[in-house]
Amino acid sequence: MLTIGVAEEFLLLGPDGAVVPSAPFVAGLARDEDRIRPGFLAYQLVTDTAGCGSLDELRGELSRLRLQAGDAARRAGASLVSVGAPPFAAGPLGAVTDETRYRELAGWFPDAVVAGRGCACQVRIEVMDRDQAVDVLARIRPWLPALLALTVNSPFADGRDTGWASYRYHLQQHWPTFRPPGAWDGADRYDSMVRSLILAGAAPDESAVYFLARVPAGLPIVEVRVADACLTVEDSVVFAGIVRALVRSLITDARRNLTTTPVPTSVVDAHLNTAAHGEVRLRLGQHAPTMPAASEAVVRLVRKIGPALAAGGDADEVYGGVKWLRRYGTGADRQRRIRLRRTSAPEFVRFLAGCTAPNRSRCG
């Protein structure tokens, strides 16, 4: 059983949709320094689960942390919201958290501060060793667009519909290392590439190398970072279950000596761009049109992980979650549908905060 952990990034919003730069204060109110902390920008809050053996255990951890963080945010006069980017152009969007590391990052890449307002759902899978983790990175490259397509959740920014399903993906490209991982032969080659990026000035240290999937320094972990922040706890749980099953499938491929067809980075980038624009359509209801060619990536992913889901006992839960997504849409789809009916900023913020709360298992 591969253990699984999830880091979730949240926004703190006021009733009018303005960002509230009080994350250090909110984290202090939450009183859980190991699991709840401020993010890069002063209106971002990050929660981080322990390693979990089952999806039920993960659901409990995510729910507990969202409840704890949400309560602290309310005491500070803000709402905890799980979307990929601030939907309104209000408040100090460039306010960097007053911590040494974050100030240094802002100094290294001042043009990328705007990209820092993106929020992600990061899934960590612990594997046998770092060589195995790096092998998974090479094999996961062609699956990254499908993972993004399932989790797009940032259609709005600056008070308008951006035309993207994941505006966060567009923003994050300001970071020089926000790109798919390469196909490296073992952990030593991976570490050498990371060092070369640091020496070239693309990152100040290893933790600032923001590959869409990476191996943290010194740890036998595959960290998948491609997804937007997930609207609900259930969205996060289903996505984490998909990632774990995919990692398990890719490890099985390696043990069977199955080779992967090299996919050029330009092709992966093009497919990621398609997914970020929302052109990979999940079926919304029985009679809604689909885009078969674009949707094939998601269909192939679900088929790929089937045996691993069955082996891990997660098939019913993950298949049920994917079926729900196909009927009601991604976070971006649901945001757009609600925004048409709730035109005022306060109404929309209340909707987003309600979806973020752990007592809302689904939010359609």
Protein backbone atom coordinates (compact mmCIF):
# COMPACT_ATOMS: atom_id res chain seq x y z
CA MET A 1 0.00 0.00 0.00
CA LEU A 2 1.49 3.32 -1.09
CA THR A 3 0.96 6.03 1.51
CA ILE A 4 -0.58 9.24 0.30
CA GLY A 5 -0.45 12.84 1.51
CA VAL A 6 -2.03 16.02 0.19
CA ALA A 7 -1.07 19.67 0.53
CA GLU A 8 -3.94 22.07 -0.21
CA GLU A 9 -3.56 25.79 -0.87
CA PHE A 10 -6.45 28.12 -0.03
CA LEU A 11 -7.37 31.78 -0.44
CA LEU A 12 -8.58 34.06 2.32
CA LEU A 13 -11.32 36.29 0.92
CA GLY A 14 -13.43 39.04 2.40
CA PRO A 15 -17.22 39.24 1.87
CA ASP A 16 -16.69 41.46 -1.19
CA GLY A 17 -14.21 39.04 -2.77
CA ALA A 18 -11.12 41.06 -1.84
CA VAL A 19 -8.11 39.04 -0.73
CA VAL A 20 -7.42 39.30 3.01
CA PRO A 21 -3.65 39.31 3.77
CA SER A 22 -3.93 37.73 7.20
CA ALA A 23 -2.61 34.19 6.61
CA PRO A 24 0.10 34.38 9.32
CA PHE A 25 -2.51 35.52 11.84
CA VAL A 26 -4.99 32.84 10.72
CA ALA A 27 -2.33 30.13 10.90
CA GLY A 28 -1.60 31.26 14.45
CA LEU A 29 -5.26 31.02 15.38
CA ALA A 30 -5.39 27.51 13.94
CA ARG A 31 -2.60 26.44 16.33
CA ASP A 32 -1.26 23.62 14.18
CA GLU A 33 2.18 24.70 12.98
CA ASP A 34 2.95 21.26 11.56
CA ARG A 35 -0.15 21.11 9.36
CA ILE A 36 -1.41 24.68 8.73
CA ARG A 37 0.89 27.50 7.61
CA PRO A 38 0.91 30.72 5.56
CA GLY A 39 1.58 30.47 1.84
CA PHE A 40 3.80 32.53 -0.45
CA LEU A 41 1.31 35.40 -0.53
CA ALA A 42 -0.12 36.78 2.67
CA TYR A 43 -3.69 35.77 1.76
CA GLN A 44 -2.82 32.12 1.05
CA LEU A 45 -3.12 29.38 3.65
CA VAL A 46 -1.61 25.90 3.20
CA THR A 47 -2.69 22.69 4.90
CA ASP A 48 -0.64 19.51 4.76
CA THR A 49 -1.88 16.07 5.76
CA ALA A 50 0.16 13.29 7.27
CA GLY A 51 0.79 10.21 5.15
CA CYS A 52 -2.40 8.17 4.92
CA GLY A 53 -2.93 4.53 4.06
CA SER A 54 -6.52 4.76 2.83
CA LEU A 55 -8.78 7.26 1.11
CA ASP A 56 -11.08 7.24 4.15
CA GLU A 57 -8.16 8.21 6.36
CA LEU A 58 -7.19 10.93 3.88
CA ARG A 59 -10.76 12.24 3.77
CA GLY A 60 -10.73 12.54 7.56
CA GLU A 61 -7.44 14.43 7.54
CA LEU A 62 -8.52 16.82 4.78
CA SER A 63 -11.86 17.46 6.49
CA ARG A 64 -10.24 18.09 9.86
CA LEU A 65 -7.74 20.55 8.42
CA ARG A 66 -10.33 22.40 6.32
CA LEU A 67 -12.60 22.69 9.36
CA GLN A 68 -9.75 23.94 11.55
CA ALA A 69 -8.49 26.41 8.93
CA GLY A 70 -12.02 27.60 8.09
CA ASP A 71 -12.85 28.28 11.73
CA ALA A 72 -9.63 30.25 12.16
CA ALA A 73 -10.34 32.24 8.98
CA ARG A 74 -13.83 33.16 10.19
CA ARG A 75 -12.43 34.37 13.52
CA ALA A 76 -10.13 36.63 11.49
CA GLY A 77 -13.05 37.98 9.45
CA ALA A 78 -12.31 36.05 6.26
CA SER A 79 -13.63 33.07 4.30
CA LEU A 80 -11.52 30.06 3.41
CA VAL A 81 -11.92 29.37 -0.32
CA SER A 82 -10.46 26.54 -2.41
CA VAL A 83 -10.06 27.76 -5.99
CA GLY A 84 -7.05 28.02 -8.26
CA ALA A 85 -6.86 31.84 -8.43
CA PRO A 86 -8.47 34.89 -6.77
CA PRO A 87 -11.68 35.53 -8.73
CA PHE A 88 -11.75 39.29 -8.14
CA ALA A 89 -9.24 42.11 -8.64
CA ALA A 90 -9.61 43.41 -5.11
CA GLY A 91 -7.24 43.68 -2.17
CA PRO A 92 -3.43 43.54 -2.07
CA LEU A 93 -2.86 40.84 -4.68
CA GLY A 94 0.92 41.34 -4.54
CA ALA A 95 1.28 41.07 -0.75
CA VAL A 96 4.11 38.61 -0.07
CA THR A 97 4.13 36.84 3.30
CA ASP A 98 6.75 38.40 5.56
CA GLU A 99 9.03 35.38 5.88
CA THR A 100 12.65 35.23 4.76
CA ARG A 101 12.17 32.47 2.18
CA TYR A 102 9.17 34.15 0.56
CA ARG A 103 10.86 37.55 0.45
CA GLU A 104 13.88 35.94 -1.22
CA LEU A 105 11.67 34.21 -3.81
CA ALA A 106 9.97 37.51 -4.61
CA GLY A 107 13.38 39.13 -4.98
CA TRP A 108 14.64 36.42 -7.31
CA PHE A 109 11.58 36.48 -9.55
CA PRO A 110 9.70 39.78 -9.15
CA ASP A 111 7.76 39.19 -12.37
CA ALA A 112 6.52 35.87 -10.99
CA VAL A 113 4.87 37.34 -7.88
CA VAL A 114 1.63 37.54 -9.84
CA ALA A 115 1.97 33.80 -10.50
CA GLY A 116 2.16 33.17 -6.79
CA ARG A 117 -1.53 33.89 -6.40
CA GLY A 118 -2.32 30.51 -7.96
CA CYS A 119 -3.42 27.77 -5.54
CA ALA A 120 -2.76 24.06 -6.06
CA CYS A 121 -3.64 20.63 -4.76
CA GLN A 122 -0.37 18.71 -4.42
CA VAL A 123 -0.45 14.94 -3.99
CA ARG A 124 2.52 13.05 -2.52
CA ILE A 125 2.94 9.29 -2.96
CA GLU A 126 5.67 7.53 -0.98
CA VAL A 127 7.43 4.82 -3.00
CA MET A 128 10.30 2.38 -2.37
CA ASP A 129 13.24 4.66 -3.13
CA ARG A 130 14.21 7.80 -5.04
CA ASP A 131 15.35 5.90 -8.14
CA GLN A 132 11.87 4.42 -8.40
CA ALA A 133 10.35 7.88 -7.85
CA VAL A 134 12.41 9.37 -10.70
CA ASP A 135 11.40 6.49 -12.99
CA VAL A 136 7.76 7.30 -12.21
CA LEU A 137 8.39 10.93 -13.22
CA ALA A 138 9.51 9.81 -16.68
CA ARG A 139 6.47 7.58 -17.06
CA ILE A 140 3.92 10.09 -15.74
CA ARG A 141 4.74 12.82 -18.28
CA PRO A 142 2.08 11.90 -20.89
CA TRP A 143 -0.59 11.59 -18.19
CA LEU A 144 -0.17 15.11 -16.77
CA PRO A 145 -2.66 16.77 -19.18
CA ALA A 146 -5.41 14.32 -18.16
CA LEU A 147 -4.68 14.97 -14.47
CA LEU A 148 -4.97 18.71 -15.09
CA ALA A 149 -8.15 18.28 -17.11
CA LEU A 150 -9.85 16.57 -14.17
CA THR A 151 -8.94 19.34 -11.72
CA VAL A 152 -9.25 22.67 -13.56
CA ASN A 153 -10.79 25.10 -11.05
CA SER A 154 -9.78 28.69 -11.84
CA PRO A 155 -11.88 30.21 -14.63
CA PHE A 156 -12.23 33.65 -13.02
CA ALA A 157 -9.69 36.35 -12.24
CA ASP A 158 -9.76 40.13 -12.01
CA GLY A 159 -13.56 40.03 -11.85
CA ARG A 160 -14.03 38.39 -15.24
CA ASP A 161 -14.14 35.05 -16.97
CA THR A 162 -10.61 34.59 -18.27
CA GLY A 163 -11.51 32.07 -20.97
CA TRP A 164 -9.27 29.54 -19.20
CA ALA A 165 -10.53 26.62 -17.12
CA SER A 166 -7.22 26.79 -15.23
CA TYR A 167 -6.05 30.37 -15.20
CA ARG A 168 -3.64 29.23 -12.50
CA TYR A 169 -1.80 27.14 -15.11
CA HIS A 170 -1.40 30.25 -17.25
CA LEU A 171 -0.16 32.29 -14.30
CA GLN A 172 2.34 29.71 -13.07
CA GLN A 173 4.21 29.72 -16.36
CA HIS A 174 5.91 32.88 -15.11
CA TRP A 175 8.06 30.56 -12.95
CA PRO A 176 11.00 29.29 -15.03
CA THR A 177 10.77 25.70 -13.68
CA PHE A 178 6.99 25.32 -13.95
CA ARG A 179 7.17 22.62 -16.60
CA PRO A 180 6.85 18.84 -17.01
CA PRO A 181 9.67 16.77 -15.55
CA GLY A 182 12.18 15.20 -17.88
CA ALA A 183 12.97 11.52 -18.36
CA TRP A 184 16.05 11.08 -16.19
CA ASP A 185 17.91 7.84 -15.54
CA GLY A 186 17.89 7.57 -11.78
CA ALA A 187 17.99 9.90 -8.79
CA ASP A 188 21.61 10.97 -9.36
CA ARG A 189 20.76 12.35 -12.81
CA TYR A 190 17.65 14.03 -11.43
CA ASP A 191 19.62 15.67 -8.62
CA SER A 192 22.27 16.79 -11.11
CA MET A 193 19.61 18.47 -13.25
CA VAL A 194 18.15 20.23 -10.22
CA ARG A 195 21.61 21.51 -9.24
CA SER A 196 22.18 22.79 -12.77
CA LEU A 197 18.90 24.72 -12.67
CA ILE A 198 19.92 26.32 -9.39
CA LEU A 199 23.35 27.25 -10.75
CA ALA A 200 21.69 28.74 -13.84
CA GLY A 201 19.53 30.97 -11.64
CA ALA A 202 16.23 29.25 -12.49
CA ALA A 203 15.60 28.58 -8.79
CA PRO A 204 17.26 29.67 -5.53
CA ASP A 205 17.12 26.15 -4.02
CA GLU A 206 15.71 22.66 -4.56
CA SER A 207 12.32 23.41 -3.02
CA ALA A 208 11.79 26.20 -5.58
CA VAL A 209 12.15 23.86 -8.56
CA TYR A 210 8.46 23.67 -9.47
CA PHE A 211 8.21 20.76 -11.89
CA LEU A 212 4.62 19.63 -12.47
CA ALA A 213 5.73 16.39 -10.84
CA ARG A 214 8.92 16.19 -8.83
CA VAL A 215 10.90 14.22 -6.25
CA PRO A 216 11.56 16.23 -3.05
CA ALA A 217 15.15 16.43 -1.89
CA GLY A 218 16.27 13.30 -0.06
CA LEU A 219 12.81 11.69 -0.01
CA PRO A 220 11.39 8.62 -1.84
CA ILE A 221 8.27 10.53 -2.85
CA VAL A 222 6.50 11.35 -6.10
CA GLU A 223 4.91 14.78 -5.69
CA VAL A 224 2.33 15.63 -8.36
CA ARG A 225 1.79 19.41 -8.52
CA VAL A 226 -0.16 19.87 -11.76
CA ALA A 227 -3.66 20.25 -10.25
CA ASP A 228 -5.57 23.37 -9.32
CA ALA A 229 -6.83 23.62 -5.76
CA CYS A 230 -9.86 21.33 -5.56
CA LEU A 231 -13.25 22.84 -4.79
CA THR A 232 -14.42 20.19 -2.29
CA VAL A 233 -12.92 17.55 -0.02
CA GLU A 234 -14.40 14.86 -2.26
CA ASP A 235 -12.73 16.38 -5.33
CA SER A 236 -9.37 16.20 -3.53
CA VAL A 237 -9.94 12.63 -2.33
CA VAL A 238 -10.90 11.35 -5.79
CA PHE A 239 -7.95 13.10 -7.41
CA ALA A 240 -5.55 11.69 -4.80
CA GLY A 241 -6.96 8.22 -5.41
CA ILE A 242 -6.39 8.62 -9.15
CA VAL A 243 -2.79 9.77 -8.63
CA ARG A 244 -1.98 6.89 -6.29
CA ALA A 245 -3.46 4.34 -8.69
CA LEU A 246 -1.53 5.87 -11.58
CA VAL A 247 1.75 5.74 -9.66
CA ARG A 248 1.06 2.12 -8.72
CA SER A 249 0.32 1.32 -12.38
CA LEU A 250 3.55 2.94 -13.57
CA ILE A 251 5.59 1.05 -10.98
CA THR A 252 3.99 -2.18 -12.21
CA ASP A 253 4.92 -1.24 -15.78
CA ALA A 254 8.54 -0.79 -14.71
CA ARG A 255 8.63 -4.14 -12.94
CA ARG A 256 7.34 -5.79 -16.10
CA ASN A 257 10.06 -4.00 -18.07
CA LEU A 258 7.45 -2.23 -20.16
CA THR A 259 8.99 0.68 -22.02
CA THR A 260 7.18 3.94 -22.62
CA THR A 261 7.02 5.73 -25.94
CA PRO A 262 8.94 9.01 -25.53
CA VAL A 263 6.61 11.98 -25.80
CA PRO A 264 8.30 15.28 -26.79
CA THR A 265 7.98 18.02 -24.22
CA SER A 266 6.42 20.25 -26.88
CA VAL A 267 3.60 17.73 -27.27
CA VAL A 268 3.06 17.44 -23.50
CA ASP A 269 3.02 21.24 -23.26
CA ALA A 270 0.46 21.50 -26.07
CA HIS A 271 -1.82 18.96 -24.38
CA LEU A 272 -1.45 20.73 -21.04
CA ASN A 273 -2.44 24.00 -22.70
CA THR A 274 -5.50 22.30 -24.19
CA ALA A 275 -6.48 20.97 -20.76
CA ALA A 276 -5.92 24.35 -19.09
CA HIS A 277 -8.19 26.01 -21.62
CA GLY A 278 -10.92 23.54 -20.71
CA GLU A 279 -10.98 21.95 -24.13
CA VAL A 280 -10.90 18.46 -22.61
CA ARG A 281 -14.60 18.11 -22.00
CA LEU A 282 -16.10 15.74 -19.49
CA ARG A 283 -19.63 14.69 -20.32
CA LEU A 284 -22.12 17.00 -18.56
CA GLY A 285 -25.35 15.01 -18.47
CA GLN A 286 -26.48 12.37 -20.92
CA HIS A 287 -27.27 14.67 -23.83
CA ALA A 288 -24.45 17.22 -23.63
CA PRO A 289 -21.95 17.22 -26.50
CA THR A 290 -18.41 16.04 -25.88
CA MET A 291 -15.11 16.49 -27.67
CA PRO A 292 -14.14 12.84 -28.21
CA ALA A 293 -10.57 13.41 -29.35
CA ALA A 294 -9.74 15.64 -26.39
CA SER A 295 -11.63 13.48 -23.91
CA GLU A 296 -9.75 10.35 -24.91
CA ALA A 297 -6.90 11.31 -22.58
CA VAL A 298 -9.16 11.09 -19.54
CA VAL A 299 -10.77 7.86 -20.78
CA ARG A 300 -7.33 6.29 -21.29
CA LEU A 301 -6.26 7.38 -17.82
CA VAL A 302 -9.30 5.80 -16.17
CA ARG A 303 -8.72 2.57 -18.10
CA LYS A 304 -5.02 2.60 -17.25
CA ILE A 305 -5.57 2.76 -13.50
CA GLY A 306 -8.39 0.20 -13.37
CA PRO A 307 -6.31 -2.80 -12.19
CA ALA A 308 -4.48 -0.67 -9.62
CA LEU A 309 -7.76 0.70 -8.26
CA ALA A 310 -9.11 -2.81 -7.90
CA ALA A 311 -5.93 -4.03 -6.21
CA GLY A 312 -6.01 -1.13 -3.75
CA GLY A 313 -9.71 -1.39 -2.99
CA ASP A 314 -10.42 2.12 -4.30
CA ALA A 315 -12.30 1.25 -7.48
CA ASP A 316 -15.85 1.98 -6.33
CA GLU A 317 -14.92 5.28 -4.75
CA VAL A 318 -12.80 6.62 -7.61
CA TYR A 319 -15.12 5.40 -10.36
CA GLY A 320 -18.04 6.98 -8.50
CA GLY A 321 -16.15 10.25 -8.25
CA VAL A 322 -15.23 10.27 -11.93
CA LYS A 323 -18.83 9.47 -12.87
CA TRP A 324 -19.98 12.42 -10.75
CA LEU A 325 -17.45 14.71 -12.44
CA ARG A 326 -18.59 13.60 -15.86
CA ARG A 327 -22.18 14.46 -14.95
CA TYR A 328 -21.69 17.74 -13.07
CA GLY A 329 -18.38 18.98 -14.41
CA THR A 330 -15.04 20.14 -13.10
CA GLY A 331 -14.62 22.86 -10.53
CA ALA A 332 -14.35 25.38 -13.38
CA ASP A 333 -17.62 24.14 -14.91
CA ARG A 334 -19.42 24.39 -11.58
CA GLN A 335 -18.04 27.86 -10.86
CA ARG A 336 -19.22 29.15 -14.23
CA ARG A 337 -22.66 27.62 -13.80
CA ILE A 338 -23.14 29.19 -10.37
CA ARG A 339 -21.66 32.54 -11.42
CA LEU A 340 -24.41 32.90 -14.00
CA ARG A 341 -26.98 32.74 -11.20
CA ARG A 342 -25.11 34.49 -8.39
CA THR A 343 -23.86 37.66 -9.94
CA SER A 344 -22.86 39.58 -6.81
CA ALA A 345 -19.44 39.08 -5.27
CA PRO A 346 -20.80 38.33 -1.76
CA GLU A 347 -23.09 35.60 -3.11
CA PHE A 348 -20.30 34.02 -5.11
CA VAL A 349 -17.86 34.10 -2.17
CA ARG A 350 -20.46 32.43 0.05
CA PHE A 351 -20.92 29.71 -2.55
CA LEU A 352 -17.17 29.07 -2.82
CA ALA A 353 -16.71 29.05 0.95
CA GLY A 354 -19.62 26.64 1.29
CA CYS A 355 -18.04 24.26 -1.22
CA THR A 356 -14.72 24.47 0.61
CA ALA A 357 -16.26 23.55 3.96
CA PRO A 358 -15.85 19.83 4.74
CA ASN A 359 -19.57 19.29 5.42
CA ARG A 360 -20.30 19.80 1.72
CA SER A 361 -19.41 16.44 0.20
CA ARG A 362 -20.55 17.55 -3.26
CA CYS A 363 -21.04 21.00 -4.68
CA GLY A 364 -22.77 21.03 -8.04
